[in-house]
Amino acid sequence: MKKKHRRAVCKSLIWLIKPFWWLFKAIAMPSAILLMLFLDWEEILETKLKVRPYDPD
């Protein structure tokens, strides 16, 4: 395959895959943000309720 054709095939494959990549990022980003918020919330609760890993109860 000529270099010109390889470059064209590569670019067209990239443009075919790119919308799916953006869709994946659009779905994954809110999940990652929610995960960070829940982890912060868990830490705040542990601090507020004074829960320690070495608690003898």
PDB file of N, CA and C in Angstrom:
ATOM      1  N   MET A   1       0.851  -1.175   0.000  1.00  0.00           N
ATOM      2  CA  MET A   1       0.000   0.000   0.000  1.00  0.00           C
ATOM      3  C   MET A   1       0.898   1.240   0.000  1.00  0.00           C
ATOM      4  N   LYS A   2       0.535   2.211  -0.801  1.00  0.00           N
ATOM      5  CA  LYS A   2       1.334   3.424  -0.882  1.00  0.00           C
ATOM      6  C   LYS A   2       1.163   4.251   0.385  1.00  0.00           C
ATOM      7  N   LYS A   3       2.170   5.077   0.639  1.00  0.00           N
ATOM      8  CA  LYS A   3       2.164   5.893   1.851  1.00  0.00           C
ATOM      9  C   LYS A   3       0.950   6.809   1.897  1.00  0.00           C
ATOM     10  N   LYS A   4       0.577   7.359   0.740  1.00  0.00           N
ATOM     11  CA  LYS A   4      -0.565   8.266   0.667  1.00  0.00           C
ATOM     12  C   LYS A   4      -1.849   7.531   1.058  1.00  0.00           C
ATOM     13  N   HIS A   5      -1.996   6.301   0.596  1.00  0.00           N
ATOM     14  CA  HIS A   5      -3.192   5.523   0.894  1.00  0.00           C
ATOM     15  C   HIS A   5      -3.216   5.099   2.370  1.00  0.00           C
ATOM     16  N   ARG A   6      -2.051   4.740   2.916  1.00  0.00           N
ATOM     17  CA  ARG A   6      -1.985   4.360   4.329  1.00  0.00           C
ATOM     18  C   ARG A   6      -2.422   5.522   5.211  1.00  0.00           C
ATOM     19  N   ARG A   7      -1.978   6.705   4.871  1.00  0.00           N
ATOM     20  CA  ARG A   7      -2.329   7.885   5.648  1.00  0.00           C
ATOM     21  C   ARG A   7      -3.833   8.146   5.567  1.00  0.00           C
ATOM     22  N   ALA A   8      -4.409   7.977   4.405  1.00  0.00           N
ATOM     23  CA  ALA A   8      -5.844   8.189   4.228  1.00  0.00           C
ATOM     24  C   ALA A   8      -6.653   7.152   5.005  1.00  0.00           C
ATOM     25  N   VAL A   9      -6.215   5.899   4.964  1.00  0.00           N
ATOM     26  CA  VAL A   9      -6.907   4.847   5.712  1.00  0.00           C
ATOM     27  C   VAL A   9      -6.807   5.112   7.210  1.00  0.00           C
ATOM     28  N   CYS A  10      -5.647   5.509   7.674  1.00  0.00           N
ATOM     29  CA  CYS A  10      -5.444   5.805   9.089  1.00  0.00           C
ATOM     30  C   CYS A  10      -6.354   6.951   9.538  1.00  0.00           C
ATOM     31  N   LYS A  11      -6.392   8.025   8.782  1.00  0.00           N
ATOM     32  CA  LYS A  11      -7.229   9.174   9.134  1.00  0.00           C
ATOM     33  C   LYS A  11      -8.715   8.812   9.128  1.00  0.00           C
ATOM     34  N   SER A  12      -9.138   8.029   8.133  1.00  0.00           N
ATOM     35  CA  SER A  12     -10.561   7.663   8.079  1.00  0.00           C
ATOM     36  C   SER A  12     -10.936   6.741   9.244  1.00  0.00           C
ATOM     37  N   LEU A  13     -10.054   5.834   9.641  1.00  0.00           N
ATOM     38  CA  LEU A  13     -10.337   4.981  10.792  1.00  0.00           C
ATOM     39  C   LEU A  13     -10.412   5.800  12.077  1.00  0.00           C
ATOM     40  N   ILE A  14      -9.525   6.766  12.196  1.00  0.00           N
ATOM     41  CA  ILE A  14      -9.561   7.632  13.377  1.00  0.00           C
ATOM     42  C   ILE A  14     -10.892   8.381  13.437  1.00  0.00           C
ATOM     43  N   TRP A  15     -11.348   8.915  12.324  1.00  0.00           N
ATOM     44  CA  TRP A  15     -12.609   9.669  12.326  1.00  0.00           C
ATOM     45  C   TRP A  15     -13.822   8.762  12.513  1.00  0.00           C
ATOM     46  N   LEU A  16     -13.704   7.484  12.183  1.00  0.00           N
ATOM     47  CA  LEU A  16     -14.799   6.541  12.447  1.00  0.00           C
ATOM     48  C   LEU A  16     -14.876   6.178  13.927  1.00  0.00           C
ATOM     49  N   ILE A  17     -13.733   6.100  14.594  1.00  0.00           N
ATOM     50  CA  ILE A  17     -13.681   5.691  15.991  1.00  0.00           C
ATOM     51  C   ILE A  17     -13.939   6.855  16.944  1.00  0.00           C
ATOM     52  N   LYS A  18     -13.589   8.053  16.534  1.00  0.00           N
ATOM     53  CA  LYS A  18     -13.650   9.219  17.421  1.00  0.00           C
ATOM     54  C   LYS A  18     -15.033   9.467  18.045  1.00  0.00           C
ATOM     55  N   PRO A  19     -16.153   9.377  17.332  1.00  0.00           N
ATOM     56  CA  PRO A  19     -17.453   9.611  17.992  1.00  0.00           C
ATOM     57  C   PRO A  19     -17.734   8.617  19.114  1.00  0.00           C
ATOM     58  N   PHE A  20     -17.318   7.359  18.937  1.00  0.00           N
ATOM     59  CA  PHE A  20     -17.521   6.373  19.995  1.00  0.00           C
ATOM     60  C   PHE A  20     -16.654   6.687  21.204  1.00  0.00           C
ATOM     61  N   TRP A  21     -15.459   7.205  20.959  1.00  0.00           N
ATOM     62  CA  TRP A  21     -14.574   7.588  22.044  1.00  0.00           C
ATOM     63  C   TRP A  21     -15.185   8.728  22.851  1.00  0.00           C
ATOM     64  N   TRP A  22     -15.749   9.736  22.167  1.00  0.00           N
ATOM     65  CA  TRP A  22     -16.374  10.857  22.872  1.00  0.00           C
ATOM     66  C   TRP A  22     -17.612  10.398  23.633  1.00  0.00           C
ATOM     67  N   LEU A  23     -18.352   9.441  23.071  1.00  0.00           N
ATOM     68  CA  LEU A  23     -19.510   8.892  23.771  1.00  0.00           C
ATOM     69  C   LEU A  23     -19.063   8.175  25.048  1.00  0.00           C
ATOM     70  N   PHE A  24     -17.994   7.387  24.948  1.00  0.00           N
ATOM     71  CA  PHE A  24     -17.458   6.701  26.118  1.00  0.00           C
ATOM     72  C   PHE A  24     -17.024   7.705  27.179  1.00  0.00           C
ATOM     73  N   LYS A  25     -16.324   8.761  26.770  1.00  0.00           N
ATOM     74  CA  LYS A  25     -15.878   9.774  27.724  1.00  0.00           C
ATOM     75  C   LYS A  25     -17.058  10.495  28.360  1.00  0.00           C
ATOM     76  N   ALA A  26     -18.111  10.745  27.581  1.00  0.00           N
ATOM     77  CA  ALA A  26     -19.288  11.429  28.113  1.00  0.00           C
ATOM     78  C   ALA A  26     -20.003  10.572  29.150  1.00  0.00           C
ATOM     79  N   ILE A  27     -19.950   9.267  28.997  1.00  0.00           N
ATOM     80  CA  ILE A  27     -20.578   8.373  29.970  1.00  0.00           C
ATOM     81  C   ILE A  27     -19.658   8.170  31.184  1.00  0.00           C
ATOM     82  N   ALA A  28     -18.371   8.064  30.969  1.00  0.00           N
ATOM     83  CA  ALA A  28     -17.434   7.755  32.044  1.00  0.00           C
ATOM     84  C   ALA A  28     -17.153   8.951  32.948  1.00  0.00           C
ATOM     85  N   MET A  29     -17.155  10.156  32.420  1.00  0.00           N
ATOM     86  CA  MET A  29     -16.783  11.323  33.212  1.00  0.00           C
ATOM     87  C   MET A  29     -17.741  11.588  34.376  1.00  0.00           C
ATOM     88  N   PRO A  30     -19.063  11.577  34.174  1.00  0.00           N
ATOM     89  CA  PRO A  30     -19.946  11.771  35.330  1.00  0.00           C
ATOM     90  C   PRO A  30     -19.783  10.671  36.377  1.00  0.00           C
ATOM     91  N   SER A  31     -19.512   9.465  35.945  1.00  0.00           N
ATOM     92  CA  SER A  31     -19.297   8.373  36.900  1.00  0.00           C
ATOM     93  C   SER A  31     -18.050   8.636  37.738  1.00  0.00           C
ATOM     94  N   ALA A  32     -17.001   9.101  37.122  1.00  0.00           N
ATOM     95  CA  ALA A  32     -15.768   9.399  37.856  1.00  0.00           C
ATOM     96  C   ALA A  32     -15.987  10.550  38.835  1.00  0.00           C
ATOM     97  N   ILE A  33     -16.738  11.546  38.419  1.00  0.00           N
ATOM     98  CA  ILE A  33     -17.021  12.680  39.308  1.00  0.00           C
ATOM     99  C   ILE A  33     -17.861  12.224  40.492  1.00  0.00           C
ATOM    100  N   LEU A  34     -18.878  11.407  40.243  1.00  0.00           N
ATOM    101  CA  LEU A  34     -19.700  10.887  41.343  1.00  0.00           C
ATOM    102  C   LEU A  34     -18.868  10.040  42.298  1.00  0.00           C
ATOM    103  N   LEU A  35     -17.961   9.240  41.767  1.00  0.00           N
ATOM    104  CA  LEU A  35     -17.095   8.423  42.607  1.00  0.00           C
ATOM    105  C   LEU A  35     -16.260   9.296  43.528  1.00  0.00           C
ATOM    106  N   MET A  36     -15.680  10.365  42.995  1.00  0.00           N
ATOM    107  CA  MET A  36     -14.884  11.268  43.830  1.00  0.00           C
ATOM    108  C   MET A  36     -15.746  11.922  44.904  1.00  0.00           C
ATOM    109  N   LEU A  37     -16.961  12.327  44.550  1.00  0.00           N
ATOM    110  CA  LEU A  37     -17.850  12.943  45.535  1.00  0.00           C
ATOM    111  C   LEU A  37     -18.224  11.958  46.633  1.00  0.00           C
ATOM    112  N   PHE A  38     -18.519  10.714  46.268  1.00  0.00           N
ATOM    113  CA  PHE A  38     -18.871   9.711  47.266  1.00  0.00           C
ATOM    114  C   PHE A  38     -17.691   9.390  48.178  1.00  0.00           C
ATOM    115  N   LEU A  39     -16.478   9.338  47.634  1.00  0.00           N
ATOM    116  CA  LEU A  39     -15.314   9.074  48.470  1.00  0.00           C
ATOM    117  C   LEU A  39     -15.077  10.218  49.448  1.00  0.00           C
ATOM    118  N   ASP A  40     -15.254  11.453  48.997  1.00  0.00           N
ATOM    119  CA  ASP A  40     -15.130  12.603  49.897  1.00  0.00           C
ATOM    120  C   ASP A  40     -16.210  12.555  50.967  1.00  0.00           C
ATOM    121  N   TRP A  41     -17.421  12.201  50.564  1.00  0.00           N
ATOM    122  CA  TRP A  41     -18.537  12.130  51.501  1.00  0.00           C
ATOM    123  C   TRP A  41     -18.286  11.047  52.555  1.00  0.00           C
ATOM    124  N   GLU A  42     -17.714   9.932  52.140  1.00  0.00           N
ATOM    125  CA  GLU A  42     -17.393   8.848  53.065  1.00  0.00           C
ATOM    126  C   GLU A  42     -16.358   9.312  54.087  1.00  0.00           C
ATOM    127  N   GLU A  43     -15.352  10.031  53.636  1.00  0.00           N
ATOM    128  CA  GLU A  43     -14.316  10.536  54.532  1.00  0.00           C
ATOM    129  C   GLU A  43     -14.892  11.550  55.516  1.00  0.00           C
ATOM    130  N   ILE A  44     -15.775  12.414  55.044  1.00  0.00           N
ATOM    131  CA  ILE A  44     -16.412  13.400  55.917  1.00  0.00           C
ATOM    132  C   ILE A  44     -17.242  12.704  56.984  1.00  0.00           C
ATOM    133  N   LEU A  45     -17.983  11.669  56.585  1.00  0.00           N
ATOM    134  CA  LEU A  45     -18.790  10.926  57.555  1.00  0.00           C
ATOM    135  C   LEU A  45     -17.918  10.233  58.600  1.00  0.00           C
ATOM    136  N   GLU A  46     -16.837   9.618  58.174  1.00  0.00           N
ATOM    137  CA  GLU A  46     -15.950   8.951  59.121  1.00  0.00           C
ATOM    138  C   GLU A  46     -15.367   9.948  60.111  1.00  0.00           C
ATOM    139  N   THR A  47     -15.020  11.134  59.635  1.00  0.00           N
ATOM    140  CA  THR A  47     -14.481  12.159  60.516  1.00  0.00           C
ATOM    141  C   THR A  47     -15.554  12.656  61.477  1.00  0.00           C
ATOM    142  N   LYS A  48     -16.742  12.914  60.953  1.00  0.00           N
ATOM    143  CA  LYS A  48     -17.828  13.452  61.772  1.00  0.00           C
ATOM    144  C   LYS A  48     -18.283  12.451  62.831  1.00  0.00           C
ATOM    145  N   LEU A  49     -18.334  11.168  62.490  1.00  0.00           N
ATOM    146  CA  LEU A  49     -18.781  10.143  63.426  1.00  0.00           C
ATOM    147  C   LEU A  49     -17.628   9.555  64.250  1.00  0.00           C
ATOM    148  N   LYS A  50     -16.414  10.053  63.995  1.00  0.00           N
ATOM    149  CA  LYS A  50     -15.220   9.637  64.722  1.00  0.00           C
ATOM    150  C   LYS A  50     -15.009   8.128  64.685  1.00  0.00           C
ATOM    151  N   VAL A  51     -15.104   7.568  63.506  1.00  0.00           N
ATOM    152  CA  VAL A  51     -14.889   6.132  63.306  1.00  0.00           C
ATOM    153  C   VAL A  51     -13.407   5.931  63.001  1.00  0.00           C
ATOM    154  N   ARG A  52     -12.777   5.017  63.720  1.00  0.00           N
ATOM    155  CA  ARG A  52     -11.365   4.727  63.511  1.00  0.00           C
ATOM    156  C   ARG A  52     -11.202   3.257  63.150  1.00  0.00           C
ATOM    157  N   PRO A  53     -10.194   2.926  62.361  1.00  0.00           N
ATOM    158  CA  PRO A  53      -9.992   1.513  62.003  1.00  0.00           C
ATOM    159  C   PRO A  53      -9.559   0.657  63.199  1.00  0.00           C
ATOM    160  N   TYR A  54      -8.984   1.268  64.221  1.00  0.00           N
ATOM    161  CA  TYR A  54      -8.510   0.528  65.387  1.00  0.00           C
ATOM    162  C   TYR A  54      -9.508   0.589  66.547  1.00  0.00           C
ATOM    163  N   ASP A  55     -10.764   0.888  66.263  1.00  0.00           N
ATOM    164  CA  ASP A  55     -11.795   0.990  67.275  1.00  0.00           C
ATOM    165  C   ASP A  55     -11.998  -0.385  67.945  1.00  0.00           C
ATOM    166  N   PRO A  56     -11.902  -0.487  69.285  1.00  0.00           N
ATOM    167  CA  PRO A  56     -12.001  -1.793  69.947  1.00  0.00           C
ATOM    168  C   PRO A  56     -13.402  -2.407  69.932  1.00  0.00           C
ATOM    169  N   ASP A  57     -14.436  -1.648  69.591  1.00  0.00           N
ATOM    170  CA  ASP A  57     -15.793  -2.201  69.583  1.00  0.00           C
ATOM    171  C   ASP A  57     -15.854  -3.210  68.526  1.00  0.00           C
TER     172      ASP A  57
END
